[in-house]
Amino acid sequence: MYWQQQNAIIVSDLHFGKTGHFRKHGIAVPQDIFKEDIQRLVTIISHYKPQQLLVVGDLFHSHANKEMELFSKWRHDFSQLHFHLIKGNHDILEDSWYLQNKITVHHECLMLDQFCFVHDPNEAVATNGRYVFSGHIHPGVTVNGAGKQSLRFPCFYFGETYAVLPAFSRFTGMVSMKLKKTDKVFAIVNESIIEI
């Protein structure tokens, strides 16, 4: 998501290192997934030319592995980009690693303008009336066809008091959102965003 006033890209749940984590434990997952995710991020940054990147949790998936080394090389290429990470439950690397890679870490939330950025929407407390942006649950929406067929897509979910961003990584599951009439949902279908 692009925030024009702050010239910022906001993403959630990149889970870099997840494919390496699975391979390390004997599960054959192609590394191309990581490469595709990081290339999509490069494309977005090249298009919008943001001054800052806000990651609403789960930038990484687990302990350091080869994909973290590749990320460090990528980060060096974009060293002028102000990088903020609101720590998620999978962001377990040592603080020194984030510091070395010029990533500003926020342990609970980041307040900017009238918004509050957290990882888990259920942990958004003391927001002082600010609208909350979160991640964590990898929102999805199910679209039913005229027959009994249905398809599920990742989505952007906007409720009255908070939003949940889709997982950036393509190597994650999804949780179907229970929608109220006042909610706004935008499904990601191929390369398009469609309001549901």
N, C-alpha and C. Protein backbone atom coordinates (compact mmCIF):
# COMPACT_ATOMS: atom_id res chain seq x y z
N MET A 1 0.86 -1.16 0.00
CA MET A 1 0.00 0.00 0.00
C MET A 1 0.91 1.23 0.00
N TYR A 2 0.55 2.23 -0.81
CA TYR A 2 1.34 3.44 -0.90
C TYR A 2 0.65 4.56 -0.14
N TRP A 3 1.38 5.22 0.76
CA TRP A 3 0.88 6.34 1.55
C TRP A 3 1.55 7.60 1.01
N GLN A 4 0.81 8.33 0.19
CA GLN A 4 1.38 9.45 -0.55
C GLN A 4 1.91 10.56 0.36
N GLN A 5 1.15 10.94 1.40
CA GLN A 5 1.56 12.05 2.26
C GLN A 5 2.90 11.78 2.95
N GLN A 6 3.18 10.55 3.27
CA GLN A 6 4.44 10.19 3.93
C GLN A 6 5.46 9.62 2.94
N ASN A 7 5.06 9.51 1.68
CA ASN A 7 5.90 8.88 0.66
C ASN A 7 6.45 7.55 1.19
N ALA A 8 5.50 6.70 1.61
CA ALA A 8 5.87 5.44 2.25
C ALA A 8 5.13 4.27 1.62
N ILE A 9 5.83 3.15 1.53
CA ILE A 9 5.21 1.88 1.17
C ILE A 9 4.96 1.13 2.48
N ILE A 10 3.75 0.57 2.62
CA ILE A 10 3.39 -0.19 3.82
C ILE A 10 3.09 -1.62 3.38
N VAL A 11 3.80 -2.57 3.96
CA VAL A 11 3.59 -3.98 3.66
C VAL A 11 3.58 -4.78 4.96
N SER A 12 3.12 -6.01 4.87
CA SER A 12 3.08 -6.87 6.05
C SER A 12 3.42 -8.30 5.67
N ASP A 13 3.98 -9.02 6.61
CA ASP A 13 4.15 -10.47 6.50
C ASP A 13 4.91 -10.90 5.24
N LEU A 14 6.13 -10.40 5.12
CA LEU A 14 6.98 -10.82 4.00
C LEU A 14 7.57 -12.21 4.23
N HIS A 15 7.79 -12.56 5.49
CA HIS A 15 8.28 -13.89 5.87
C HIS A 15 9.53 -14.30 5.09
N PHE A 16 10.45 -13.36 4.87
CA PHE A 16 11.70 -13.71 4.22
C PHE A 16 12.41 -14.77 5.04
N GLY A 17 12.98 -15.73 4.36
CA GLY A 17 13.67 -16.82 5.03
C GLY A 17 12.81 -18.04 5.27
N LYS A 18 11.53 -17.95 4.98
CA LYS A 18 10.63 -19.08 5.25
C LYS A 18 10.97 -20.27 4.35
N THR A 19 11.23 -20.01 3.07
CA THR A 19 11.56 -21.13 2.17
C THR A 19 12.87 -21.78 2.61
N GLY A 20 13.86 -20.96 3.02
CA GLY A 20 15.12 -21.51 3.52
C GLY A 20 14.92 -22.31 4.79
N HIS A 21 14.03 -21.85 5.66
CA HIS A 21 13.72 -22.55 6.91
C HIS A 21 13.14 -23.93 6.60
N PHE A 22 12.22 -24.00 5.64
CA PHE A 22 11.61 -25.27 5.28
C PHE A 22 12.64 -26.20 4.65
N ARG A 23 13.48 -25.66 3.75
CA ARG A 23 14.51 -26.49 3.11
C ARG A 23 15.49 -27.03 4.14
N LYS A 24 15.84 -26.20 5.10
CA LYS A 24 16.78 -26.61 6.16
C LYS A 24 16.23 -27.80 6.94
N HIS A 25 14.91 -27.91 7.02
CA HIS A 25 14.27 -29.00 7.75
C HIS A 25 13.78 -30.13 6.83
N GLY A 26 14.35 -30.18 5.61
CA GLY A 26 14.10 -31.30 4.72
C GLY A 26 12.85 -31.23 3.88
N ILE A 27 12.18 -30.07 3.84
CA ILE A 27 10.98 -29.92 3.02
C ILE A 27 11.38 -29.17 1.75
N ALA A 28 11.23 -29.81 0.61
CA ALA A 28 11.69 -29.24 -0.66
C ALA A 28 10.78 -28.11 -1.11
N VAL A 29 11.21 -26.89 -0.86
CA VAL A 29 10.49 -25.69 -1.29
C VAL A 29 11.43 -24.90 -2.18
N PRO A 30 11.03 -24.55 -3.40
CA PRO A 30 11.94 -23.83 -4.28
C PRO A 30 12.28 -22.44 -3.77
N GLN A 31 13.56 -22.05 -3.89
CA GLN A 31 14.01 -20.73 -3.45
C GLN A 31 13.43 -19.63 -4.35
N ASP A 32 12.90 -20.00 -5.51
CA ASP A 32 12.34 -19.00 -6.42
C ASP A 32 11.24 -18.18 -5.76
N ILE A 33 10.55 -18.74 -4.78
CA ILE A 33 9.48 -18.00 -4.09
C ILE A 33 10.06 -16.77 -3.42
N PHE A 34 11.19 -16.93 -2.71
CA PHE A 34 11.86 -15.79 -2.07
C PHE A 34 12.30 -14.78 -3.13
N LYS A 35 12.89 -15.27 -4.20
CA LYS A 35 13.38 -14.37 -5.25
C LYS A 35 12.23 -13.59 -5.90
N GLU A 36 11.11 -14.24 -6.12
CA GLU A 36 9.94 -13.56 -6.69
C GLU A 36 9.41 -12.50 -5.74
N ASP A 37 9.33 -12.83 -4.45
CA ASP A 37 8.84 -11.86 -3.47
C ASP A 37 9.74 -10.63 -3.40
N ILE A 38 11.05 -10.85 -3.36
CA ILE A 38 11.96 -9.71 -3.25
C ILE A 38 11.97 -8.90 -4.55
N GLN A 39 11.78 -9.56 -5.69
CA GLN A 39 11.71 -8.84 -6.96
C GLN A 39 10.43 -7.98 -7.03
N ARG A 40 9.32 -8.50 -6.50
CA ARG A 40 8.09 -7.68 -6.45
C ARG A 40 8.31 -6.45 -5.59
N LEU A 41 9.02 -6.60 -4.47
CA LEU A 41 9.31 -5.46 -3.61
C LEU A 41 10.19 -4.45 -4.33
N VAL A 42 11.19 -4.92 -5.05
CA VAL A 42 12.06 -4.04 -5.84
C VAL A 42 11.24 -3.28 -6.88
N THR A 43 10.33 -3.96 -7.55
CA THR A 43 9.49 -3.33 -8.57
C THR A 43 8.62 -2.24 -7.96
N ILE A 44 8.03 -2.51 -6.81
CA ILE A 44 7.19 -1.52 -6.12
C ILE A 44 8.01 -0.31 -5.71
N ILE A 45 9.18 -0.54 -5.14
CA ILE A 45 10.05 0.56 -4.72
C ILE A 45 10.53 1.37 -5.93
N SER A 46 10.87 0.69 -7.00
CA SER A 46 11.32 1.39 -8.22
C SER A 46 10.21 2.23 -8.82
N HIS A 47 8.97 1.75 -8.73
CA HIS A 47 7.84 2.49 -9.30
C HIS A 47 7.49 3.72 -8.46
N TYR A 48 7.32 3.55 -7.14
CA TYR A 48 6.85 4.64 -6.28
C TYR A 48 7.97 5.54 -5.76
N LYS A 49 9.20 5.01 -5.73
CA LYS A 49 10.35 5.76 -5.21
C LYS A 49 10.06 6.35 -3.83
N PRO A 50 9.68 5.50 -2.87
CA PRO A 50 9.34 5.99 -1.53
C PRO A 50 10.59 6.42 -0.76
N GLN A 51 10.36 7.25 0.26
CA GLN A 51 11.43 7.61 1.18
C GLN A 51 11.53 6.59 2.32
N GLN A 52 10.41 5.91 2.59
CA GLN A 52 10.42 4.96 3.70
C GLN A 52 9.58 3.73 3.40
N LEU A 53 9.96 2.66 4.07
CA LEU A 53 9.25 1.39 3.98
C LEU A 53 8.82 1.02 5.39
N LEU A 54 7.51 0.81 5.57
CA LEU A 54 6.97 0.39 6.87
C LEU A 54 6.54 -1.07 6.73
N VAL A 55 7.13 -1.93 7.53
CA VAL A 55 6.77 -3.35 7.52
C VAL A 55 6.02 -3.63 8.82
N VAL A 56 4.75 -4.00 8.67
CA VAL A 56 3.87 -4.21 9.81
C VAL A 56 4.00 -5.66 10.30
N GLY A 57 5.22 -6.04 10.63
CA GLY A 57 5.49 -7.33 11.24
C GLY A 57 5.81 -8.46 10.30
N ASP A 58 6.54 -9.42 10.86
CA ASP A 58 6.97 -10.64 10.18
C ASP A 58 7.73 -10.36 8.89
N LEU A 59 8.72 -9.50 9.02
CA LEU A 59 9.65 -9.28 7.90
C LEU A 59 10.37 -10.59 7.60
N PHE A 60 10.80 -11.27 8.67
CA PHE A 60 11.49 -12.55 8.53
C PHE A 60 10.63 -13.66 9.13
N HIS A 61 11.05 -14.88 8.88
CA HIS A 61 10.25 -16.01 9.36
C HIS A 61 10.85 -16.70 10.57
N SER A 62 12.17 -16.77 10.65
CA SER A 62 12.77 -17.47 11.78
C SER A 62 14.23 -17.04 11.92
N HIS A 63 15.07 -17.93 12.38
CA HIS A 63 16.49 -17.64 12.59
C HIS A 63 17.19 -17.38 11.26
N ALA A 64 18.37 -16.80 11.35
CA ALA A 64 19.14 -16.44 10.15
C ALA A 64 19.44 -17.66 9.30
N ASN A 65 19.33 -17.48 7.98
CA ASN A 65 19.71 -18.50 7.02
C ASN A 65 20.21 -17.79 5.76
N LYS A 66 20.45 -18.53 4.71
CA LYS A 66 21.05 -17.97 3.49
C LYS A 66 20.20 -16.83 2.92
N GLU A 67 18.89 -16.91 3.04
CA GLU A 67 18.03 -15.85 2.49
C GLU A 67 18.23 -14.53 3.23
N MET A 68 18.62 -14.58 4.50
CA MET A 68 18.91 -13.34 5.24
C MET A 68 20.14 -12.67 4.66
N GLU A 69 21.13 -13.48 4.22
CA GLU A 69 22.32 -12.93 3.58
C GLU A 69 21.93 -12.22 2.28
N LEU A 70 21.05 -12.84 1.51
CA LEU A 70 20.59 -12.22 0.26
C LEU A 70 19.81 -10.94 0.56
N PHE A 71 19.01 -10.96 1.63
CA PHE A 71 18.29 -9.76 2.02
C PHE A 71 19.27 -8.64 2.37
N SER A 72 20.33 -8.97 3.11
CA SER A 72 21.32 -7.95 3.50
C SER A 72 21.95 -7.31 2.28
N LYS A 73 22.22 -8.09 1.25
CA LYS A 73 22.76 -7.52 0.00
C LYS A 73 21.74 -6.59 -0.64
N TRP A 74 20.46 -7.02 -0.64
CA TRP A 74 19.39 -6.18 -1.19
C TRP A 74 19.29 -4.89 -0.39
N ARG A 75 19.35 -5.00 0.92
CA ARG A 75 19.22 -3.81 1.79
C ARG A 75 20.35 -2.83 1.53
N HIS A 76 21.54 -3.34 1.28
CA HIS A 76 22.69 -2.47 0.95
C HIS A 76 22.40 -1.68 -0.33
N ASP A 77 21.76 -2.30 -1.31
CA ASP A 77 21.43 -1.62 -2.56
C ASP A 77 20.38 -0.53 -2.37
N PHE A 78 19.55 -0.64 -1.32
CA PHE A 78 18.51 0.35 -1.04
C PHE A 78 18.77 1.01 0.32
N SER A 79 20.03 1.29 0.60
CA SER A 79 20.40 1.81 1.92
C SER A 79 19.84 3.20 2.21
N GLN A 80 19.47 3.96 1.17
CA GLN A 80 18.91 5.30 1.39
C GLN A 80 17.45 5.25 1.84
N LEU A 81 16.81 4.11 1.73
CA LEU A 81 15.41 3.94 2.10
C LEU A 81 15.29 3.80 3.61
N HIS A 82 14.52 4.69 4.26
CA HIS A 82 14.28 4.58 5.70
C HIS A 82 13.39 3.35 5.92
N PHE A 83 13.84 2.45 6.75
CA PHE A 83 13.20 1.14 6.90
C PHE A 83 12.72 1.00 8.34
N HIS A 84 11.39 0.87 8.52
CA HIS A 84 10.79 0.70 9.84
C HIS A 84 10.15 -0.68 9.91
N LEU A 85 10.45 -1.41 10.99
CA LEU A 85 9.83 -2.70 11.23
C LEU A 85 9.10 -2.66 12.56
N ILE A 86 7.80 -2.91 12.51
CA ILE A 86 7.04 -3.13 13.73
C ILE A 86 7.13 -4.64 13.96
N LYS A 87 7.82 -5.05 15.01
CA LYS A 87 8.15 -6.47 15.19
C LYS A 87 6.90 -7.34 15.26
N GLY A 88 6.99 -8.46 14.55
CA GLY A 88 5.94 -9.47 14.59
C GLY A 88 6.40 -10.69 15.35
N ASN A 89 5.54 -11.65 15.51
CA ASN A 89 5.86 -12.85 16.28
C ASN A 89 6.97 -13.69 15.64
N HIS A 90 7.22 -13.54 14.34
CA HIS A 90 8.30 -14.29 13.69
C HIS A 90 9.61 -13.52 13.62
N ASP A 91 9.61 -12.25 13.99
CA ASP A 91 10.83 -11.44 13.92
C ASP A 91 11.66 -11.69 15.17
N ILE A 92 12.47 -12.76 15.12
CA ILE A 92 13.18 -13.22 16.31
C ILE A 92 14.70 -13.03 16.21
N LEU A 93 15.17 -12.35 15.19
CA LEU A 93 16.61 -12.11 15.07
C LEU A 93 17.07 -11.15 16.16
N GLU A 94 18.35 -11.18 16.45
CA GLU A 94 18.93 -10.28 17.44
C GLU A 94 18.80 -8.83 16.98
N ASP A 95 18.61 -7.92 17.93
CA ASP A 95 18.50 -6.50 17.60
C ASP A 95 19.71 -5.99 16.83
N SER A 96 20.89 -6.55 17.12
CA SER A 96 22.11 -6.12 16.43
C SER A 96 22.03 -6.40 14.93
N TRP A 97 21.33 -7.48 14.54
CA TRP A 97 21.19 -7.79 13.11
C TRP A 97 20.37 -6.71 12.40
N TYR A 98 19.28 -6.28 13.03
CA TYR A 98 18.46 -5.22 12.44
C TYR A 98 19.26 -3.92 12.35
N LEU A 99 20.00 -3.61 13.40
CA LEU A 99 20.81 -2.40 13.43
C LEU A 99 21.85 -2.41 12.32
N GLN A 100 22.51 -3.54 12.14
CA GLN A 100 23.51 -3.69 11.10
C GLN A 100 22.91 -3.47 9.71
N ASN A 101 21.64 -3.81 9.54
CA ASN A 101 20.98 -3.66 8.25
C ASN A 101 20.14 -2.39 8.15
N LYS A 102 20.39 -1.45 9.05
CA LYS A 102 19.74 -0.14 9.04
C LYS A 102 18.22 -0.26 9.05
N ILE A 103 17.72 -1.08 9.96
CA ILE A 103 16.28 -1.25 10.13
C ILE A 103 15.92 -0.72 11.52
N THR A 104 15.04 0.28 11.55
CA THR A 104 14.56 0.81 12.82
C THR A 104 13.45 -0.10 13.32
N VAL A 105 13.64 -0.64 14.52
CA VAL A 105 12.70 -1.62 15.07
C VAL A 105 11.79 -0.93 16.08
N HIS A 106 10.49 -1.20 15.96
CA HIS A 106 9.48 -0.74 16.91
C HIS A 106 8.88 -2.00 17.53
N HIS A 107 9.00 -2.13 18.83
CA HIS A 107 8.63 -3.39 19.48
C HIS A 107 7.14 -3.59 19.65
N GLU A 108 6.36 -2.54 19.76
CA GLU A 108 4.92 -2.72 19.94
C GLU A 108 4.11 -2.03 18.86
N CYS A 109 4.38 -0.74 18.65
CA CYS A 109 3.61 -0.02 17.65
C CYS A 109 4.42 1.17 17.15
N LEU A 110 3.95 1.73 16.07
CA LEU A 110 4.52 2.95 15.51
C LEU A 110 3.35 3.89 15.27
N MET A 111 3.41 5.07 15.85
CA MET A 111 2.36 6.08 15.66
C MET A 111 2.88 7.11 14.67
N LEU A 112 2.15 7.29 13.58
CA LEU A 112 2.47 8.30 12.58
C LEU A 112 1.19 9.01 12.19
N ASP A 113 1.20 10.34 12.30
CA ASP A 113 0.02 11.14 12.00
C ASP A 113 -1.18 10.58 12.78
N GLN A 114 -2.29 10.33 12.09
CA GLN A 114 -3.49 9.84 12.77
C GLN A 114 -3.59 8.31 12.75
N PHE A 115 -2.47 7.63 12.47
CA PHE A 115 -2.49 6.17 12.34
C PHE A 115 -1.59 5.49 13.36
N CYS A 116 -1.95 4.26 13.67
CA CYS A 116 -1.16 3.40 14.55
C CYS A 116 -0.85 2.12 13.77
N PHE A 117 0.42 1.73 13.73
CA PHE A 117 0.84 0.54 13.00
C PHE A 117 1.28 -0.51 14.01
N VAL A 118 0.62 -1.68 13.97
CA VAL A 118 0.95 -2.80 14.86
C VAL A 118 0.98 -4.07 14.01
N HIS A 119 1.52 -5.13 14.58
CA HIS A 119 1.51 -6.39 13.83
C HIS A 119 0.19 -7.13 14.00
N ASP A 120 -0.19 -7.37 15.23
CA ASP A 120 -1.39 -8.14 15.52
C ASP A 120 -2.54 -7.19 15.84
N PRO A 121 -3.63 -7.22 15.06
CA PRO A 121 -4.73 -6.29 15.32
C PRO A 121 -5.35 -6.46 16.70
N ASN A 122 -5.22 -7.63 17.30
CA ASN A 122 -5.78 -7.87 18.63
C ASN A 122 -4.94 -7.25 19.73
N GLU A 123 -3.73 -6.80 19.39
CA GLU A 123 -2.86 -6.19 20.40
C GLU A 123 -2.80 -4.67 20.28
N ALA A 124 -3.71 -4.09 19.52
CA ALA A 124 -3.75 -2.64 19.34
C ALA A 124 -4.45 -2.00 20.53
N VAL A 125 -3.66 -1.57 21.51
CA VAL A 125 -4.21 -0.92 22.69
C VAL A 125 -3.64 0.49 22.80
N ALA A 126 -4.34 1.35 23.49
CA ALA A 126 -3.89 2.73 23.73
C ALA A 126 -3.52 3.43 22.42
N THR A 127 -4.43 3.36 21.45
CA THR A 127 -4.16 3.99 20.16
C THR A 127 -4.61 5.45 20.13
N ASN A 128 -5.23 5.91 21.20
CA ASN A 128 -5.71 7.29 21.30
C ASN A 128 -6.60 7.69 20.11
N GLY A 129 -7.46 6.78 19.71
CA GLY A 129 -8.41 7.06 18.64
C GLY A 129 -7.83 6.97 17.24
N ARG A 130 -6.57 6.61 17.12
CA ARG A 130 -5.96 6.49 15.79
C ARG A 130 -6.47 5.24 15.07
N TYR A 131 -6.58 5.33 13.75
CA TYR A 131 -6.94 4.18 12.93
C TYR A 131 -5.74 3.25 12.90
N VAL A 132 -5.98 1.95 13.05
CA VAL A 132 -4.90 0.96 13.18
C VAL A 132 -4.69 0.21 11.86
N PHE A 133 -3.43 0.09 11.47
CA PHE A 133 -3.03 -0.77 10.35
C PHE A 133 -2.25 -1.94 10.93
N SER A 134 -2.60 -3.15 10.50
CA SER A 134 -1.98 -4.35 11.05
C SER A 134 -1.78 -5.40 9.96
N GLY A 135 -1.26 -6.52 10.38
CA GLY A 135 -1.06 -7.66 9.49
C GLY A 135 -1.41 -8.92 10.26
N HIS A 136 -0.47 -9.86 10.30
CA HIS A 136 -0.48 -11.05 11.14
C HIS A 136 -1.43 -12.16 10.69
N ILE A 137 -2.66 -11.85 10.35
CA ILE A 137 -3.62 -12.95 10.13
C ILE A 137 -3.76 -13.35 8.66
N HIS A 138 -3.05 -12.69 7.76
CA HIS A 138 -3.07 -13.04 6.33
C HIS A 138 -4.51 -13.12 5.81
N PRO A 139 -5.20 -11.99 5.76
CA PRO A 139 -6.63 -12.01 5.41
C PRO A 139 -6.91 -12.50 4.00
N GLY A 140 -8.00 -13.21 3.89
CA GLY A 140 -8.48 -13.69 2.60
C GLY A 140 -9.98 -13.52 2.52
N VAL A 141 -10.48 -13.56 1.31
CA VAL A 141 -11.92 -13.45 1.10
C VAL A 141 -12.34 -14.55 0.13
N THR A 142 -13.45 -15.19 0.43
CA THR A 142 -13.98 -16.26 -0.42
C THR A 142 -15.07 -15.69 -1.32
N VAL A 143 -14.95 -15.97 -2.60
CA VAL A 143 -15.94 -15.52 -3.59
C VAL A 143 -16.63 -16.77 -4.12
N ASN A 144 -17.96 -16.81 -3.95
CA ASN A 144 -18.75 -17.96 -4.39
C ASN A 144 -19.33 -17.70 -5.77
N GLY A 145 -19.30 -18.74 -6.61
CA GLY A 145 -19.87 -18.65 -7.95
C GLY A 145 -21.33 -19.06 -7.95
N ALA A 146 -21.93 -19.04 -9.14
CA ALA A 146 -23.35 -19.39 -9.27
C ALA A 146 -23.61 -20.85 -8.91
N GLY A 147 -22.64 -21.72 -9.16
CA GLY A 147 -22.76 -23.12 -8.78
C GLY A 147 -22.20 -23.29 -7.37
N LYS A 148 -21.61 -24.42 -7.10
CA LYS A 148 -21.04 -24.65 -5.79
C LYS A 148 -19.56 -24.32 -5.72
N GLN A 149 -19.02 -23.76 -6.79
CA GLN A 149 -17.60 -23.43 -6.79
C GLN A 149 -17.32 -22.17 -6.00
N SER A 150 -16.12 -22.09 -5.47
CA SER A 150 -15.70 -20.89 -4.76
C SER A 150 -14.19 -20.74 -4.92
N LEU A 151 -13.75 -19.50 -4.85
CA LEU A 151 -12.32 -19.19 -4.92
C LEU A 151 -11.98 -18.30 -3.74
N ARG A 152 -10.76 -18.44 -3.25
CA ARG A 152 -10.31 -17.61 -2.14
C ARG A 152 -9.12 -16.79 -2.60
N PHE A 153 -9.15 -15.50 -2.24
CA PHE A 153 -8.10 -14.58 -2.64
C PHE A 153 -7.58 -13.83 -1.42
N PRO A 154 -6.28 -13.46 -1.44
CA PRO A 154 -5.80 -12.56 -0.39
C PRO A 154 -6.49 -11.21 -0.55
N CYS A 155 -6.60 -10.47 0.55
CA CYS A 155 -7.33 -9.20 0.45
C CYS A 155 -6.80 -8.16 1.43
N PHE A 156 -7.15 -6.92 1.14
CA PHE A 156 -7.01 -5.80 2.06
C PHE A 156 -8.34 -5.68 2.78
N TYR A 157 -8.32 -5.68 4.11
CA TYR A 157 -9.54 -5.58 4.89
C TYR A 157 -9.55 -4.24 5.62
N PHE A 158 -10.64 -3.48 5.48
CA PHE A 158 -10.78 -2.20 6.17
C PHE A 158 -12.07 -2.20 6.99
N GLY A 159 -11.91 -2.25 8.31
CA GLY A 159 -13.03 -2.15 9.22
C GLY A 159 -13.19 -0.71 9.69
N GLU A 160 -14.07 -0.50 10.64
CA GLU A 160 -14.33 0.86 11.13
C GLU A 160 -13.16 1.45 11.90
N THR A 161 -12.44 0.61 12.64
CA THR A 161 -11.35 1.12 13.48
C THR A 161 -9.97 0.58 13.11
N TYR A 162 -9.92 -0.45 12.27
CA TYR A 162 -8.63 -1.00 11.90
C TYR A 162 -8.67 -1.65 10.51
N ALA A 163 -7.46 -1.77 9.93
CA ALA A 163 -7.28 -2.43 8.65
C ALA A 163 -6.30 -3.58 8.84
N VAL A 164 -6.46 -4.62 8.03
CA VAL A 164 -5.52 -5.74 8.03
C VAL A 164 -4.98 -5.87 6.61
N LEU A 165 -3.67 -5.79 6.49
CA LEU A 165 -3.02 -5.89 5.19
C LEU A 165 -2.80 -7.36 4.83
N PRO A 166 -2.82 -7.67 3.53
CA PRO A 166 -2.55 -9.06 3.13
C PRO A 166 -1.08 -9.40 3.34
N ALA A 167 -0.81 -10.68 3.45
CA ALA A 167 0.58 -11.13 3.51
C ALA A 167 1.24 -10.83 2.18
N PHE A 168 2.42 -10.21 2.24
CA PHE A 168 3.16 -9.91 1.01
C PHE A 168 3.71 -11.18 0.38
N SER A 169 4.16 -12.11 1.22
CA SER A 169 4.72 -13.35 0.71
C SER A 169 3.63 -14.20 0.07
N ARG A 170 4.01 -14.84 -1.01
CA ARG A 170 3.07 -15.76 -1.65
C ARG A 170 3.11 -17.14 -1.01
N PHE A 171 4.03 -17.32 -0.06
CA PHE A 171 4.20 -18.61 0.60
C PHE A 171 3.60 -18.56 2.00
N THR A 172 2.33 -18.17 2.07
CA THR A 172 1.60 -18.12 3.34
C THR A 172 0.19 -18.63 3.10
N GLY A 173 -0.48 -18.97 4.16
CA GLY A 173 -1.89 -19.32 4.07
C GLY A 173 -2.75 -18.08 4.20
N MET A 174 -4.05 -18.28 4.28
CA MET A 174 -5.00 -17.16 4.42
C MET A 174 -6.07 -17.54 5.42
N VAL A 175 -6.59 -16.53 6.09
CA VAL A 175 -7.74 -16.69 6.99
C VAL A 175 -8.91 -15.93 6.37
N SER A 176 -10.02 -16.63 6.15
CA SER A 176 -11.20 -15.95 5.60
C SER A 176 -11.76 -14.99 6.62
N MET A 177 -11.98 -13.76 6.20
CA MET A 177 -12.47 -12.72 7.09
C MET A 177 -13.98 -12.81 7.21
N LYS A 178 -14.48 -12.62 8.43
CA LYS A 178 -15.92 -12.52 8.65
C LYS A 178 -16.27 -11.05 8.49
N LEU A 179 -17.12 -10.75 7.54
CA LEU A 179 -17.36 -9.36 7.15
C LEU A 179 -18.66 -8.82 7.73
N LYS A 180 -18.59 -7.52 8.10
CA LYS A 180 -19.79 -6.77 8.48
C LYS A 180 -20.16 -5.88 7.29
N LYS A 181 -21.38 -5.39 7.30
CA LYS A 181 -21.84 -4.56 6.19
C LYS A 181 -21.02 -3.30 6.00
N THR A 182 -20.46 -2.78 7.08
CA THR A 182 -19.70 -1.53 6.98
C THR A 182 -18.26 -1.75 6.55
N ASP A 183 -17.80 -3.01 6.50
CA ASP A 183 -16.42 -3.30 6.13
C ASP A 183 -16.20 -3.12 4.63
N LYS A 184 -14.99 -2.77 4.29
CA LYS A 184 -14.57 -2.68 2.88
C LYS A 184 -13.48 -3.73 2.66
N VAL A 185 -13.61 -4.49 1.59
CA VAL A 185 -12.65 -5.54 1.29
C VAL A 185 -12.24 -5.42 -0.17
N PHE A 186 -10.94 -5.50 -0.40
CA PHE A 186 -10.39 -5.42 -1.75
C PHE A 186 -9.55 -6.67 -2.00
N ALA A 187 -10.02 -7.53 -2.89
CA ALA A 187 -9.34 -8.79 -3.19
C ALA A 187 -8.21 -8.55 -4.18
N ILE A 188 -7.15 -9.32 -4.03
CA ILE A 188 -6.03 -9.29 -4.97
C ILE A 188 -6.23 -10.47 -5.91
N VAL A 189 -6.60 -10.17 -7.14
CA VAL A 189 -6.87 -11.20 -8.15
C VAL A 189 -5.86 -11.01 -9.27
N ASN A 190 -4.94 -11.96 -9.37
CA ASN A 190 -3.81 -11.84 -10.31
C ASN A 190 -3.08 -10.53 -10.01
N GLU A 191 -3.05 -9.61 -10.93
CA GLU A 191 -2.35 -8.35 -10.72
C GLU A 191 -3.33 -7.19 -10.46
N SER A 192 -4.59 -7.50 -10.21
CA SER A 192 -5.62 -6.47 -10.04
C SER A 192 -6.13 -6.44 -8.60
N ILE A 193 -6.65 -5.29 -8.22
CA ILE A 193 -7.32 -5.11 -6.93
C ILE A 193 -8.80 -4.89 -7.23
N ILE A 194 -9.66 -5.74 -6.65
CA ILE A 194 -11.09 -5.70 -6.95
C ILE A 194 -11.87 -5.54 -5.64
N GLU A 195 -12.74 -4.54 -5.57
CA GLU A 195 -13.57 -4.37 -4.39
C GLU A 195 -14.64 -5.44 -4.37
N ILE A 196 -14.81 -6.07 -3.22
CA ILE A 196 -15.81 -7.15 -3.06
C ILE A 196 -17.05 -6.56 -2.38
